[in-house]
N, C-alpha and C. Protein backbone atom coordinates (compact mmCIF):
# COMPACT_ATOMS: atom_id res chain seq x y z
N UNK A 1 53.86 -67.42 28.52
CA UNK A 1 53.43 -68.47 29.46
C UNK A 1 52.67 -69.42 29.13
N UNK A 2 52.82 -70.47 29.42
CA UNK A 2 51.75 -71.45 28.78
C UNK A 2 50.68 -71.50 29.19
N UNK A 3 49.65 -72.06 28.44
CA UNK A 3 48.27 -71.85 28.84
C UNK A 3 48.00 -72.94 30.07
N UNK A 4 48.61 -73.78 30.50
CA UNK A 4 48.40 -74.59 31.74
C UNK A 4 48.84 -73.87 32.65
N UNK A 5 49.67 -73.50 32.64
CA UNK A 5 50.33 -72.42 33.53
C UNK A 5 49.42 -71.39 34.08
N UNK A 6 49.09 -70.46 33.27
CA UNK A 6 48.01 -69.56 33.36
C UNK A 6 46.89 -70.33 33.84
N UNK A 7 46.14 -71.14 33.48
CA UNK A 7 45.00 -71.75 34.00
C UNK A 7 45.19 -72.36 35.42
N UNK A 8 46.18 -72.88 35.78
CA UNK A 8 46.50 -73.15 37.08
C UNK A 8 46.57 -71.99 38.18
N UNK A 9 47.03 -70.99 37.58
CA UNK A 9 47.41 -70.05 38.32
C UNK A 9 46.09 -69.44 38.77
N UNK A 10 45.31 -69.40 37.69
CA UNK A 10 44.01 -68.72 37.92
C UNK A 10 42.95 -69.66 38.97
N UNK A 11 43.40 -71.07 38.59
CA UNK A 11 42.49 -71.85 39.57
C UNK A 11 42.80 -71.72 40.95
N UNK A 12 43.99 -71.59 41.13
CA UNK A 12 44.47 -71.42 42.82
C UNK A 12 43.98 -70.02 43.21
N UNK A 13 44.26 -69.00 42.31
CA UNK A 13 43.67 -67.77 42.76
C UNK A 13 42.32 -67.69 43.33
N UNK A 14 41.44 -68.41 42.30
CA UNK A 14 40.06 -68.72 42.57
C UNK A 14 39.51 -69.71 43.83
N UNK A 15 40.49 -70.31 44.22
CA UNK A 15 40.46 -71.64 45.27
C UNK A 15 40.87 -70.68 46.47
N UNK A 16 41.77 -69.74 46.54
CA UNK A 16 41.86 -69.06 47.66
C UNK A 16 41.13 -67.86 48.08
N UNK A 17 40.28 -67.13 47.17
CA UNK A 17 39.45 -66.48 47.38
C UNK A 17 38.39 -66.68 48.09
N UNK A 18 37.77 -68.10 47.66
CA UNK A 18 36.70 -68.57 48.09
C UNK A 18 36.48 -68.38 49.59
N UNK A 19 37.43 -69.01 50.76
CA UNK A 19 37.24 -68.82 51.78
C UNK A 19 37.37 -67.46 52.33
N UNK A 20 38.29 -66.67 51.54
CA UNK A 20 38.20 -65.03 51.88
C UNK A 20 36.53 -64.62 52.01
N UNK A 21 36.04 -64.80 51.07
CA UNK A 21 34.82 -64.42 50.69
C UNK A 21 33.99 -64.88 51.76
N UNK A 22 34.08 -66.25 52.05
CA UNK A 22 33.01 -66.72 53.03
C UNK A 22 33.38 -66.25 54.48
N UNK A 23 34.43 -65.76 54.77
CA UNK A 23 34.98 -65.28 55.96
C UNK A 23 34.30 -63.95 56.17
N UNK A 24 34.64 -63.34 54.84
CA UNK A 24 34.17 -61.96 54.81
C UNK A 24 32.77 -61.65 55.14
N UNK A 25 31.85 -62.65 54.70
CA UNK A 25 30.58 -62.69 54.97
C UNK A 25 30.32 -62.88 56.08
N UNK A 26 30.95 -63.74 57.02
CA UNK A 26 30.48 -64.31 58.31
C UNK A 26 30.98 -62.93 59.21
N UNK A 27 32.02 -62.44 59.07
CA UNK A 27 32.69 -61.51 59.77
C UNK A 27 31.42 -60.04 59.68
N UNK A 28 30.83 -59.88 58.37
CA UNK A 28 30.08 -58.76 58.28
C UNK A 28 28.80 -59.14 59.17
N UNK A 29 28.36 -60.21 59.18
CA UNK A 29 27.09 -60.58 59.67
C UNK A 29 27.24 -60.42 61.27
N UNK A 30 28.17 -61.11 61.67
CA UNK A 30 28.70 -61.08 63.23
C UNK A 30 28.93 -59.69 63.99
N UNK A 31 29.63 -58.77 63.36
CA UNK A 31 29.96 -57.49 63.34
C UNK A 31 28.77 -56.65 63.21
N UNK A 32 28.03 -56.96 62.25
CA UNK A 32 26.89 -56.00 61.82
C UNK A 32 27.30 -54.84 61.01
N UNK A 33 28.15 -55.16 60.27
CA UNK A 33 28.99 -54.03 59.19
C UNK A 33 29.15 -54.71 57.72
N UNK A 34 29.13 -53.98 56.63
CA UNK A 34 28.87 -54.28 55.45
C UNK A 34 30.27 -55.05 55.12
N UNK A 35 30.06 -55.77 53.90
CA UNK A 35 31.31 -56.64 53.70
C UNK A 35 32.48 -55.56 53.20
N UNK A 36 32.36 -54.68 52.77
CA UNK A 36 33.89 -54.08 52.53
C UNK A 36 34.51 -53.68 53.74
N UNK A 37 33.66 -53.32 54.70
CA UNK A 37 34.04 -52.94 56.07
C UNK A 37 34.95 -54.48 56.72
N UNK A 38 34.01 -55.37 56.64
CA UNK A 38 34.49 -56.69 57.07
C UNK A 38 35.77 -57.24 56.47
N UNK A 39 36.13 -56.97 55.27
CA UNK A 39 37.15 -57.13 54.60
C UNK A 39 38.40 -56.21 55.10
N UNK A 40 38.08 -54.90 55.22
CA UNK A 40 39.26 -54.28 55.95
C UNK A 40 39.56 -54.45 57.09
N UNK A 41 38.72 -54.87 57.91
CA UNK A 41 38.97 -55.19 59.25
C UNK A 41 39.79 -56.60 59.25
N UNK A 42 39.56 -57.58 58.38
CA UNK A 42 39.87 -58.98 58.28
C UNK A 42 41.18 -58.77 57.98
N UNK A 43 41.75 -57.80 57.01
CA UNK A 43 43.11 -57.59 56.34
C UNK A 43 43.84 -56.83 57.15
N UNK A 44 43.05 -55.92 57.82
CA UNK A 44 44.06 -55.08 59.14
C UNK A 44 44.65 -56.34 59.86
N UNK A 45 43.66 -56.84 60.66
CA UNK A 45 44.02 -58.07 61.49
C UNK A 45 44.94 -58.92 60.87
N UNK A 46 44.88 -59.54 60.22
CA UNK A 46 45.98 -60.24 59.28
C UNK A 46 47.35 -59.80 59.41
N UNK A 47 47.37 -58.28 58.74
CA UNK A 47 48.51 -57.65 58.89
C UNK A 47 49.19 -57.01 60.03
N UNK A 48 48.52 -57.12 61.20
CA UNK A 48 49.00 -56.91 62.26
C UNK A 48 49.42 -58.16 63.11
N UNK A 49 48.88 -59.21 62.84
CA UNK A 49 49.23 -60.49 63.24
C UNK A 49 50.55 -60.89 62.50
N UNK A 50 50.73 -60.26 61.34
CA UNK A 50 51.85 -61.09 60.34
C UNK A 50 51.33 -62.68 59.87
N UNK A 51 50.07 -62.36 59.63
CA UNK A 51 49.61 -63.79 59.27
C UNK A 51 48.98 -63.68 58.07
N UNK A 52 48.91 -65.03 57.16
CA UNK A 52 48.09 -64.75 55.82
C UNK A 52 46.75 -64.49 55.62
N UNK A 53 46.31 -63.75 54.77
CA UNK A 53 44.70 -63.47 54.73
C UNK A 53 43.91 -64.94 54.87
N UNK A 54 44.63 -65.60 54.04
CA UNK A 54 43.75 -66.97 53.87
C UNK A 54 43.52 -67.64 55.32
N UNK A 55 44.74 -67.66 55.98
CA UNK A 55 44.74 -68.40 57.27
C UNK A 55 43.89 -67.44 58.40
N UNK A 56 43.71 -66.55 58.55
CA UNK A 56 42.85 -65.99 59.08
C UNK A 56 41.19 -66.18 58.63
N UNK A 57 40.93 -66.36 57.25
CA UNK A 57 39.77 -66.18 57.03
C UNK A 57 39.38 -67.56 57.41
N UNK A 58 40.29 -68.66 57.42
CA UNK A 58 39.90 -70.21 57.45
C UNK A 58 39.65 -70.23 59.45
N UNK A 59 40.24 -69.52 60.39
CA UNK A 59 39.69 -69.27 61.58
C UNK A 59 38.76 -68.77 61.53
N UNK A 60 38.13 -67.85 60.88
CA UNK A 60 36.65 -67.25 60.80
C UNK A 60 35.66 -68.29 60.46
N UNK A 61 35.94 -68.86 59.48
CA UNK A 61 35.23 -69.77 58.99
C UNK A 61 34.80 -71.09 60.20
N UNK A 62 36.20 -71.24 60.67
CA UNK A 62 36.19 -72.61 61.40
C UNK A 62 35.56 -72.14 62.88
N UNK A 63 35.45 -71.15 63.29
CA UNK A 63 34.71 -70.54 64.49
C UNK A 63 35.82 -70.35 65.38
N UNK A 64 37.19 -70.52 65.12
CA UNK A 64 38.29 -70.56 65.99
C UNK A 64 38.82 -68.92 66.51
N UNK A 65 38.49 -67.97 65.51
CA UNK A 65 38.85 -66.67 65.69
C UNK A 65 38.05 -65.66 66.65
N UNK A 66 38.76 -65.10 67.64
CA UNK A 66 37.98 -64.23 68.45
C UNK A 66 37.77 -62.92 67.65
N UNK A 67 36.45 -63.17 67.12
CA UNK A 67 35.59 -62.11 66.21
C UNK A 67 35.48 -60.71 66.92
N UNK A 68 35.38 -60.48 68.19
CA UNK A 68 35.63 -59.29 68.91
C UNK A 68 36.86 -58.74 68.46
N UNK A 69 37.71 -59.47 68.52
CA UNK A 69 39.45 -58.98 68.03
C UNK A 69 39.23 -57.84 66.73
N UNK A 70 38.48 -58.22 66.08
CA UNK A 70 38.28 -57.62 64.74
C UNK A 70 37.68 -56.36 64.58
N UNK A 71 36.83 -55.94 65.69
CA UNK A 71 35.73 -54.78 65.68
C UNK A 71 36.67 -53.69 65.92
N UNK A 72 36.75 -52.45 65.09
CA UNK A 72 37.27 -51.30 65.74
C UNK A 72 36.69 -50.53 66.93
N UNK A 73 37.31 -49.98 67.72
CA UNK A 73 36.84 -49.48 68.76
C UNK A 73 35.92 -48.27 68.55
N UNK A 74 34.82 -48.46 69.16
CA UNK A 74 33.85 -46.98 69.21
C UNK A 74 34.53 -45.98 69.43
N UNK A 75 34.20 -44.99 68.41
CA UNK A 75 34.30 -43.41 68.62
C UNK A 75 33.65 -42.82 69.35
N UNK A 76 34.00 -41.72 70.31
CA UNK A 76 32.99 -40.71 71.07
C UNK A 76 32.87 -39.41 70.43
């Protein structure tokens, strides 16, 4: 693999990861969970909606996501 190609791939991966990390922090804060749980909820939501994780992250950051739909139901 040419060095430029590997470098481009790494840059693209890092750039796509930034909004995911930001959204994870927003979700953790808003739901009162740790960041690992926030990521799990975000990933589950993306999968259930058949959407890319980066799209869901963008919605969270922009404030257009229904944050309540990410919360797990309370256990009794």
